[in-house]
């Protein structure tokens, strides 16, 4: 893949469901080596956008290009080799161990072999090796979320390191330490050549880990650009409809939100 070209591009995407416009003229570009965060209020269209980017849903108008080819033109197995999705509702495979669940991520690449070796390597990289023999149905919500992320990574891991990861609220069930661990790994994967998109809600995690931020509001991209430019209190206050302020102490910067009219 030519690293100068975006690996996933949405162009003027619109979507209407039950007469309600969910997405309105949305354009977004993901490039290898970059972690893009999509943030915005509940109901802004974030998960719907991810469904269209992944090829699961079809836009009413506009198009999505995966490696310069319309995403809907890929056979599912071929698309899965280039683009992996971690959804909020990842179903736990019944009767499978953690190792087997991560190996399942290699299904679209079974001809490449070495599924078990790669799965072990990913589990060790992510500090999950001690769970390898556990039944997936006996994991906590946070443990399963980390395993689901490992399976997503296994799906696009290949010699050239060029794939797309779409992560829908990947840290929603995790404690603060594991939130940093997972997003740190996502950023490391981006630096290794993947294009990574994550839907996030935590403003501070977004500011710390994202290279670029797309702010979605009422189905439209309100603003998109480098994280340092997007994660400003005046922009976030407008998007979320509450006061967001910046606090600096000991050289550290944090974003804090307050209910409207309470400060």
C-alpha atoms as a PDB file:
ATOM      1  CA  UNK A   1       0.000   0.000   0.000  1.00  0.00           C
ATOM      2  CA  UNK A   2       1.286   3.445  -0.838  1.00  0.00           C
ATOM      3  CA  UNK A   3       1.590   5.203   2.542  1.00  0.00           C
ATOM      4  CA  UNK A   4       0.980   8.565   0.844  1.00  0.00           C
ATOM      5  CA  UNK A   5      -2.588   7.569  -0.018  1.00  0.00           C
ATOM      6  CA  UNK A   6      -5.470   7.351   2.460  1.00  0.00           C
ATOM      7  CA  UNK A   7      -6.328   3.711   3.159  1.00  0.00           C
ATOM      8  CA  UNK A   8      -9.984   4.471   3.959  1.00  0.00           C
ATOM      9  CA  UNK A   9     -11.966   7.451   2.686  1.00  0.00           C
ATOM     10  CA  UNK A  10     -15.618   8.446   3.106  1.00  0.00           C
ATOM     11  CA  UNK A  11     -16.825  10.951   0.538  1.00  0.00           C
ATOM     12  CA  UNK A  12     -20.054  12.941   1.067  1.00  0.00           C
ATOM     13  CA  UNK A  13     -21.828  10.088   2.838  1.00  0.00           C
ATOM     14  CA  UNK A  14     -25.497  10.447   3.760  1.00  0.00           C
ATOM     15  CA  UNK A  15     -27.795   8.012   5.565  1.00  0.00           C
ATOM     16  CA  UNK A  16     -31.485   8.160   6.440  1.00  0.00           C
ATOM     17  CA  UNK A  17     -33.218   5.597   8.667  1.00  0.00           C
ATOM     18  CA  UNK A  18     -36.992   5.631   9.227  1.00  0.00           C
ATOM     19  CA  UNK A  19     -37.226   9.126   7.685  1.00  0.00           C
ATOM     20  CA  UNK A  20     -34.594  10.444  10.145  1.00  0.00           C
ATOM     21  CA  UNK A  21     -31.354  11.726   8.651  1.00  0.00           C
ATOM     22  CA  UNK A  22     -28.538  10.029  10.553  1.00  0.00           C
ATOM     23  CA  UNK A  23     -25.566  11.227   8.487  1.00  0.00           C
ATOM     24  CA  UNK A  24     -25.464  14.339   6.320  1.00  0.00           C
ATOM     25  CA  UNK A  25     -22.660  14.858   3.775  1.00  0.00           C
ATOM     26  CA  UNK A  26     -19.946  13.273   5.924  1.00  0.00           C
ATOM     27  CA  UNK A  27     -16.404  13.092   4.541  1.00  0.00           C
ATOM     28  CA  UNK A  28     -13.534  11.542   6.467  1.00  0.00           C
ATOM     29  CA  UNK A  29     -10.061  10.257   5.600  1.00  0.00           C
ATOM     30  CA  UNK A  30      -7.888   7.697   7.387  1.00  0.00           C
ATOM     31  CA  UNK A  31      -4.201   7.317   6.593  1.00  0.00           C
ATOM     32  CA  UNK A  32      -1.660   4.642   7.538  1.00  0.00           C
ATOM     33  CA  UNK A  33       0.304   5.678  10.606  1.00  0.00           C
ATOM     34  CA  UNK A  34      -2.472   7.824  12.099  1.00  0.00           C
ATOM     35  CA  UNK A  35      -5.015   7.287  14.874  1.00  0.00           C
ATOM     36  CA  UNK A  36      -8.242   9.163  14.158  1.00  0.00           C
ATOM     37  CA  UNK A  37     -10.749   9.639  16.978  1.00  0.00           C
ATOM     38  CA  UNK A  38     -14.425  10.315  16.250  1.00  0.00           C
ATOM     39  CA  UNK A  39     -16.165  12.067  19.127  1.00  0.00           C
ATOM     40  CA  UNK A  40     -19.495  13.784  19.660  1.00  0.00           C
ATOM     41  CA  UNK A  41     -22.755  13.639  21.628  1.00  0.00           C
ATOM     42  CA  UNK A  42     -24.914  10.546  21.897  1.00  0.00           C
ATOM     43  CA  UNK A  43     -26.961  10.110  18.747  1.00  0.00           C
ATOM     44  CA  UNK A  44     -24.525  12.105  16.603  1.00  0.00           C
ATOM     45  CA  UNK A  45     -24.184   9.212  14.127  1.00  0.00           C
ATOM     46  CA  UNK A  46     -20.802   7.847  15.202  1.00  0.00           C
ATOM     47  CA  UNK A  47     -21.643   4.124  15.234  1.00  0.00           C
ATOM     48  CA  UNK A  48     -23.705   4.482  12.044  1.00  0.00           C
ATOM     49  CA  UNK A  49     -20.692   6.036  10.351  1.00  0.00           C
ATOM     50  CA  UNK A  50     -18.519   3.136  11.478  1.00  0.00           C
ATOM     51  CA  UNK A  51     -21.057   0.659  10.036  1.00  0.00           C
ATOM     52  CA  UNK A  52     -20.838   2.405   6.675  1.00  0.00           C
ATOM     53  CA  UNK A  53     -17.030   2.666   6.765  1.00  0.00           C
ATOM     54  CA  UNK A  54     -16.797  -1.077   7.410  1.00  0.00           C
ATOM     55  CA  UNK A  55     -19.130  -1.989   4.545  1.00  0.00           C
ATOM     56  CA  UNK A  56     -21.754  -3.443   6.888  1.00  0.00           C
ATOM     57  CA  UNK A  57     -24.249  -0.746   5.835  1.00  0.00           C
ATOM     58  CA  UNK A  58     -24.628   1.037   2.512  1.00  0.00           C
ATOM     59  CA  UNK A  59     -24.862   4.821   2.380  1.00  0.00           C
ATOM     60  CA  UNK A  60     -27.812   6.449   0.625  1.00  0.00           C
ATOM     61  CA  UNK A  61     -25.410   8.722  -1.266  1.00  0.00           C
ATOM     62  CA  UNK A  62     -21.653   9.180  -1.349  1.00  0.00           C
ATOM     63  CA  UNK A  63     -19.096   6.416  -1.273  1.00  0.00           C
ATOM     64  CA  UNK A  64     -16.443   4.730   0.870  1.00  0.00           C
ATOM     65  CA  UNK A  65     -13.104   3.716  -0.641  1.00  0.00           C
ATOM     66  CA  UNK A  66     -10.912   1.058   0.932  1.00  0.00           C
ATOM     67  CA  UNK A  67      -7.472   1.138  -0.687  1.00  0.00           C
ATOM     68  CA  UNK A  68      -8.971   3.165  -3.566  1.00  0.00           C
ATOM     69  CA  UNK A  69     -11.712   0.599  -4.222  1.00  0.00           C
ATOM     70  CA  UNK A  70     -15.334   0.939  -3.156  1.00  0.00           C
ATOM     71  CA  UNK A  71     -15.762  -0.981   0.066  1.00  0.00           C
ATOM     72  CA  UNK A  72     -18.996  -2.596  -1.126  1.00  0.00           C
ATOM     73  CA  UNK A  73     -17.201  -4.150  -4.100  1.00  0.00           C
ATOM     74  CA  UNK A  74     -15.052  -6.390  -1.911  1.00  0.00           C
ATOM     75  CA  UNK A  75     -16.148  -9.961  -1.238  1.00  0.00           C
ATOM     76  CA  UNK A  76     -16.552 -10.192   2.565  1.00  0.00           C
ATOM     77  CA  UNK A  77     -13.559 -12.485   3.083  1.00  0.00           C
ATOM     78  CA  UNK A  78     -11.266 -10.235   1.059  1.00  0.00           C
ATOM     79  CA  UNK A  79     -12.489  -7.105   2.814  1.00  0.00           C
ATOM     80  CA  UNK A  80     -11.852  -8.782   6.171  1.00  0.00           C
ATOM     81  CA  UNK A  81      -8.169  -9.165   5.313  1.00  0.00           C
ATOM     82  CA  UNK A  82      -7.791  -5.399   5.016  1.00  0.00           C
ATOM     83  CA  UNK A  83     -10.343  -4.010   7.466  1.00  0.00           C
ATOM     84  CA  UNK A  84     -11.185  -5.295  10.954  1.00  0.00           C
ATOM     85  CA  UNK A  85     -14.021  -3.990  13.117  1.00  0.00           C
ATOM     86  CA  UNK A  86     -14.359  -4.068  16.892  1.00  0.00           C
ATOM     87  CA  UNK A  87     -18.013  -3.381  17.596  1.00  0.00           C
ATOM     88  CA  UNK A  88     -19.705  -2.521  20.901  1.00  0.00           C
ATOM     89  CA  UNK A  89     -21.791  -5.692  20.689  1.00  0.00           C
ATOM     90  CA  UNK A  90     -18.984  -8.189  20.064  1.00  0.00           C
ATOM     91  CA  UNK A  91     -20.588 -11.555  20.834  1.00  0.00           C
ATOM     92  CA  UNK A  92     -18.604 -13.949  22.979  1.00  0.00           C
ATOM     93  CA  UNK A  93     -18.084 -17.254  21.141  1.00  0.00           C
ATOM     94  CA  UNK A  94     -19.607 -19.995  23.309  1.00  0.00           C
ATOM     95  CA  UNK A  95     -17.362 -22.923  24.146  1.00  0.00           C
ATOM     96  CA  UNK A  96     -14.164 -21.203  22.994  1.00  0.00           C
ATOM     97  CA  UNK A  97     -11.066 -20.390  24.964  1.00  0.00           C
ATOM     98  CA  UNK A  98      -9.479 -16.958  24.746  1.00  0.00           C
ATOM     99  CA  UNK A  99      -6.702 -18.348  22.548  1.00  0.00           C
ATOM    100  CA  UNK A 100      -9.231 -19.906  20.169  1.00  0.00           C
ATOM    101  CA  UNK A 101     -11.223 -16.669  20.026  1.00  0.00           C
ATOM    102  CA  UNK A 102      -8.139 -14.697  18.993  1.00  0.00           C
ATOM    103  CA  UNK A 103      -7.230 -17.403  16.466  1.00  0.00           C
ATOM    104  CA  UNK A 104     -10.719 -16.889  15.019  1.00  0.00           C
ATOM    105  CA  UNK A 105      -9.534 -13.470  13.887  1.00  0.00           C
ATOM    106  CA  UNK A 106      -7.303 -15.282  11.410  1.00  0.00           C
ATOM    107  CA  UNK A 107     -10.227 -17.012   9.663  1.00  0.00           C
ATOM    108  CA  UNK A 108     -10.009 -14.752   6.601  1.00  0.00           C
ATOM    109  CA  UNK A 109      -6.259 -15.415   6.461  1.00  0.00           C
ATOM    110  CA  UNK A 110      -6.288 -19.137   7.170  1.00  0.00           C
ATOM    111  CA  UNK A 111      -4.176 -19.837   4.084  1.00  0.00           C
ATOM    112  CA  UNK A 112      -1.345 -17.906   5.739  1.00  0.00           C
ATOM    113  CA  UNK A 113      -1.209 -20.414   8.609  1.00  0.00           C
ATOM    114  CA  UNK A 114       0.480 -19.895  11.975  1.00  0.00           C
ATOM    115  CA  UNK A 115      -2.768 -18.717  13.565  1.00  0.00           C
ATOM    116  CA  UNK A 116      -1.851 -20.132  16.979  1.00  0.00           C
ATOM    117  CA  UNK A 117       1.638 -18.629  17.024  1.00  0.00           C
ATOM    118  CA  UNK A 118       0.329 -15.201  16.042  1.00  0.00           C
ATOM    119  CA  UNK A 119      -2.515 -15.392  18.560  1.00  0.00           C
ATOM    120  CA  UNK A 120      -0.042 -16.231  21.332  1.00  0.00           C
ATOM    121  CA  UNK A 121       2.215 -13.361  20.320  1.00  0.00           C
ATOM    122  CA  UNK A 122      -0.691 -10.890  20.405  1.00  0.00           C
ATOM    123  CA  UNK A 123      -1.935 -12.169  23.767  1.00  0.00           C
ATOM    124  CA  UNK A 124       1.549 -11.785  25.217  1.00  0.00           C
ATOM    125  CA  UNK A 125       1.937  -8.310  23.714  1.00  0.00           C
ATOM    126  CA  UNK A 126      -1.325  -7.231  25.330  1.00  0.00           C
ATOM    127  CA  UNK A 127      -0.763  -8.887  28.703  1.00  0.00           C
ATOM    128  CA  UNK A 128      -3.495 -11.472  28.155  1.00  0.00           C
ATOM    129  CA  UNK A 129      -1.460 -14.686  27.996  1.00  0.00           C
ATOM    130  CA  UNK A 130      -2.614 -15.746  31.466  1.00  0.00           C
ATOM    131  CA  UNK A 131      -6.193 -15.836  30.151  1.00  0.00           C
ATOM    132  CA  UNK A 132      -5.418 -18.002  27.107  1.00  0.00           C
ATOM    133  CA  UNK A 133      -7.094 -21.163  28.443  1.00  0.00           C
ATOM    134  CA  UNK A 134     -10.112 -19.422  29.977  1.00  0.00           C
ATOM    135  CA  UNK A 135     -13.590 -19.912  28.513  1.00  0.00           C
ATOM    136  CA  UNK A 136     -14.688 -16.629  26.915  1.00  0.00           C
ATOM    137  CA  UNK A 137     -18.072 -16.808  28.631  1.00  0.00           C
ATOM    138  CA  UNK A 138     -16.333 -16.732  32.033  1.00  0.00           C
ATOM    139  CA  UNK A 139     -14.493 -13.461  31.433  1.00  0.00           C
ATOM    140  CA  UNK A 140     -15.466 -10.159  32.979  1.00  0.00           C
ATOM    141  CA  UNK A 141     -16.779  -7.447  30.665  1.00  0.00           C
ATOM    142  CA  UNK A 142     -13.436  -5.656  30.703  1.00  0.00           C
ATOM    143  CA  UNK A 143     -11.448  -8.847  30.085  1.00  0.00           C
ATOM    144  CA  UNK A 144     -13.651  -9.726  27.125  1.00  0.00           C
ATOM    145  CA  UNK A 145     -13.271  -6.247  25.675  1.00  0.00           C
ATOM    146  CA  UNK A 146      -9.478  -6.624  25.738  1.00  0.00           C
ATOM    147  CA  UNK A 147      -9.738 -10.065  24.108  1.00  0.00           C
ATOM    148  CA  UNK A 148     -12.081  -8.681  21.426  1.00  0.00           C
ATOM    149  CA  UNK A 149      -9.476  -6.020  20.663  1.00  0.00           C
ATOM    150  CA  UNK A 150      -6.768  -8.696  20.399  1.00  0.00           C
ATOM    151  CA  UNK A 151      -8.946 -10.663  17.967  1.00  0.00           C
ATOM    152  CA  UNK A 152      -9.486  -7.525  15.870  1.00  0.00           C
ATOM    153  CA  UNK A 153      -5.739  -6.923  15.700  1.00  0.00           C
ATOM    154  CA  UNK A 154      -5.119 -10.554  14.710  1.00  0.00           C
ATOM    155  CA  UNK A 155      -7.471 -10.151  11.751  1.00  0.00           C
ATOM    156  CA  UNK A 156      -5.387  -7.501   9.981  1.00  0.00           C
ATOM    157  CA  UNK A 157      -1.912  -8.526  11.134  1.00  0.00           C
ATOM    158  CA  UNK A 158       0.259  -9.341   8.134  1.00  0.00           C
ATOM    159  CA  UNK A 159       3.811  -9.029   6.903  1.00  0.00           C
ATOM    160  CA  UNK A 160       3.291  -5.596   5.327  1.00  0.00           C
ATOM    161  CA  UNK A 161       1.614  -4.178   8.448  1.00  0.00           C
ATOM    162  CA  UNK A 162      -0.958  -2.282   6.380  1.00  0.00           C
ATOM    163  CA  UNK A 163      -4.527  -2.655   7.554  1.00  0.00           C
ATOM    164  CA  UNK A 164      -7.489  -0.667   8.839  1.00  0.00           C
ATOM    165  CA  UNK A 165      -8.852  -1.021  12.376  1.00  0.00           C
ATOM    166  CA  UNK A 166     -12.275   0.430  13.212  1.00  0.00           C
ATOM    167  CA  UNK A 167     -12.883   0.495  16.973  1.00  0.00           C
ATOM    168  CA  UNK A 168     -16.336   1.353  18.335  1.00  0.00           C
ATOM    169  CA  UNK A 169     -15.948   2.566  21.937  1.00  0.00           C
ATOM    170  CA  UNK A 170     -13.056   0.156  22.598  1.00  0.00           C
ATOM    171  CA  UNK A 171     -12.443   1.273  26.202  1.00  0.00           C
ATOM    172  CA  UNK A 172     -16.034   1.607  27.469  1.00  0.00           C
ATOM    173  CA  UNK A 173     -15.761  -1.320  29.939  1.00  0.00           C
ATOM    174  CA  UNK A 174     -12.155  -0.814  31.014  1.00  0.00           C
ATOM    175  CA  UNK A 175     -10.625   0.640  34.156  1.00  0.00           C
ATOM    176  CA  UNK A 176      -8.327   3.664  33.681  1.00  0.00           C
ATOM    177  CA  UNK A 177      -5.117   1.631  33.563  1.00  0.00           C
ATOM    178  CA  UNK A 178      -6.412  -0.710  30.866  1.00  0.00           C
ATOM    179  CA  UNK A 179      -7.899   2.207  28.928  1.00  0.00           C
ATOM    180  CA  UNK A 180      -4.416   3.657  28.611  1.00  0.00           C
ATOM    181  CA  UNK A 181      -2.990   0.236  27.794  1.00  0.00           C
ATOM    182  CA  UNK A 182      -5.444  -0.459  24.977  1.00  0.00           C
ATOM    183  CA  UNK A 183      -5.251   2.992  23.401  1.00  0.00           C
ATOM    184  CA  UNK A 184      -1.476   2.961  23.734  1.00  0.00           C
ATOM    185  CA  UNK A 185      -1.454  -0.294  21.785  1.00  0.00           C
ATOM    186  CA  UNK A 186      -3.829   1.192  19.199  1.00  0.00           C
ATOM    187  CA  UNK A 187      -1.459   4.101  18.719  1.00  0.00           C
ATOM    188  CA  UNK A 188       1.524   1.748  18.493  1.00  0.00           C
ATOM    189  CA  UNK A 189      -0.294  -0.197  15.770  1.00  0.00           C
ATOM    190  CA  UNK A 190      -0.887   3.053  13.902  1.00  0.00           C
ATOM    191  CA  UNK A 191       2.791   3.892  14.127  1.00  0.00           C
ATOM    192  CA  UNK A 192       3.556   0.416  12.735  1.00  0.00           C
ATOM    193  CA  UNK A 193       1.613   1.252   9.554  1.00  0.00           C
ATOM    194  CA  UNK A 194      -2.040   0.576  10.281  1.00  0.00           C
ATOM    195  CA  UNK A 195      -4.796   3.158   9.902  1.00  0.00           C
ATOM    196  CA  UNK A 196      -6.819   3.269  13.120  1.00  0.00           C
ATOM    197  CA  UNK A 197     -10.174   4.899  13.864  1.00  0.00           C
ATOM    198  CA  UNK A 198     -11.645   4.866  17.361  1.00  0.00           C
ATOM    199  CA  UNK A 199     -15.007   6.163  18.545  1.00  0.00           C
ATOM    200  CA  UNK A 200     -14.350   7.644  21.981  1.00  0.00           C
ATOM    201  CA  UNK A 201     -16.210   9.554  24.678  1.00  0.00           C
ATOM    202  CA  UNK A 202     -13.433  10.415  27.131  1.00  0.00           C
ATOM    203  CA  UNK A 203     -12.094  13.839  26.159  1.00  0.00           C
ATOM    204  CA  UNK A 204      -8.768  13.441  27.943  1.00  0.00           C
ATOM    205  CA  UNK A 205      -8.033  10.050  26.396  1.00  0.00           C
ATOM    206  CA  UNK A 206      -8.898  11.534  23.013  1.00  0.00           C
ATOM    207  CA  UNK A 207      -6.570  14.477  23.527  1.00  0.00           C
ATOM    208  CA  UNK A 208      -3.747  12.221  24.696  1.00  0.00           C
ATOM    209  CA  UNK A 209      -3.841   9.432  22.092  1.00  0.00           C
ATOM    210  CA  UNK A 210      -5.464  10.749  18.895  1.00  0.00           C
ATOM    211  CA  UNK A 211      -3.453  12.233  16.054  1.00  0.00           C
ATOM    212  CA  UNK A 212      -6.573  13.646  14.431  1.00  0.00           C
ATOM    213  CA  UNK A 213     -10.088  14.232  15.728  1.00  0.00           C
ATOM    214  CA  UNK A 214     -13.396  14.384  13.870  1.00  0.00           C
ATOM    215  CA  UNK A 215     -16.174  16.065  15.846  1.00  0.00           C
ATOM    216  CA  UNK A 216     -19.558  14.712  14.795  1.00  0.00           C
ATOM    217  CA  UNK A 217     -22.741  16.538  15.737  1.00  0.00           C
ATOM    218  CA  UNK A 218     -26.280  15.926  14.459  1.00  0.00           C
ATOM    219  CA  UNK A 219     -24.936  13.713  11.688  1.00  0.00           C
ATOM    220  CA  UNK A 220     -22.459  16.257  10.309  1.00  0.00           C
ATOM    221  CA  UNK A 221     -18.727  16.725  10.723  1.00  0.00           C
ATOM    222  CA  UNK A 222     -18.595  19.918  12.756  1.00  0.00           C
ATOM    223  CA  UNK A 223     -14.796  20.081  12.538  1.00  0.00           C
ATOM    224  CA  UNK A 224     -11.893  17.764  11.734  1.00  0.00           C
ATOM    225  CA  UNK A 225      -8.172  18.237  12.144  1.00  0.00           C
ATOM    226  CA  UNK A 226      -5.146  17.697  14.397  1.00  0.00           C
ATOM    227  CA  UNK A 227      -6.086  16.774  17.955  1.00  0.00           C
ATOM    228  CA  UNK A 228      -4.347  19.820  19.429  1.00  0.00           C
ATOM    229  CA  UNK A 229      -6.558  22.107  17.339  1.00  0.00           C
ATOM    230  CA  UNK A 230      -9.827  20.222  17.862  1.00  0.00           C
ATOM    231  CA  UNK A 231      -9.623  19.521  21.607  1.00  0.00           C
ATOM    232  CA  UNK A 232     -10.116  23.125  22.660  1.00  0.00           C
ATOM    233  CA  UNK A 233     -12.639  24.077  25.358  1.00  0.00           C
ATOM    234  CA  UNK A 234     -14.576  26.530  23.181  1.00  0.00           C
ATOM    235  CA  UNK A 235     -15.098  23.950  20.418  1.00  0.00           C
ATOM    236  CA  UNK A 236     -16.008  21.135  22.818  1.00  0.00           C
ATOM    237  CA  UNK A 237     -18.395  23.323  24.811  1.00  0.00           C
ATOM    238  CA  UNK A 238     -20.314  24.097  21.632  1.00  0.00           C
ATOM    239  CA  UNK A 239     -20.425  20.468  20.505  1.00  0.00           C
ATOM    240  CA  UNK A 240     -21.547  18.978  23.817  1.00  0.00           C
ATOM    241  CA  UNK A 241     -23.779  21.792  25.022  1.00  0.00           C
ATOM    242  CA  UNK A 242     -22.059  22.077  28.397  1.00  0.00           C
ATOM    243  CA  UNK A 243     -19.116  24.030  29.673  1.00  0.00           C
ATOM    244  CA  UNK A 244     -15.738  22.406  29.060  1.00  0.00           C
ATOM    245  CA  UNK A 245     -12.711  24.047  30.581  1.00  0.00           C
ATOM    246  CA  UNK A 246      -8.988  23.350  30.610  1.00  0.00           C
ATOM    247  CA  UNK A 247      -7.088  22.747  33.839  1.00  0.00           C
ATOM    248  CA  UNK A 248      -3.294  22.766  33.954  1.00  0.00           C
ATOM    249  CA  UNK A 249      -1.289  21.599  36.940  1.00  0.00           C
ATOM    250  CA  UNK A 250       2.279  20.352  37.193  1.00  0.00           C
ATOM    251  CA  UNK A 251       2.723  20.622  33.466  1.00  0.00           C
ATOM    252  CA  UNK A 252      -0.265  18.352  32.842  1.00  0.00           C
ATOM    253  CA  UNK A 253      -3.372  19.453  30.940  1.00  0.00           C
ATOM    254  CA  UNK A 254      -6.853  18.093  31.591  1.00  0.00           C
ATOM    255  CA  UNK A 255     -10.279  18.851  30.156  1.00  0.00           C
ATOM    256  CA  UNK A 256     -13.111  19.111  32.680  1.00  0.00           C
ATOM    257  CA  UNK A 257     -16.827  19.428  31.909  1.00  0.00           C
ATOM    258  CA  UNK A 258     -19.534  21.066  34.005  1.00  0.00           C
ATOM    259  CA  UNK A 259     -23.348  21.025  33.749  1.00  0.00           C
ATOM    260  CA  UNK A 260     -24.754  24.046  31.901  1.00  0.00           C
ATOM    261  CA  UNK A 261     -24.936  27.077  34.177  1.00  0.00           C
ATOM    262  CA  UNK A 262     -23.179  25.373  37.091  1.00  0.00           C
ATOM    263  CA  UNK A 263     -19.886  27.242  36.926  1.00  0.00           C
END
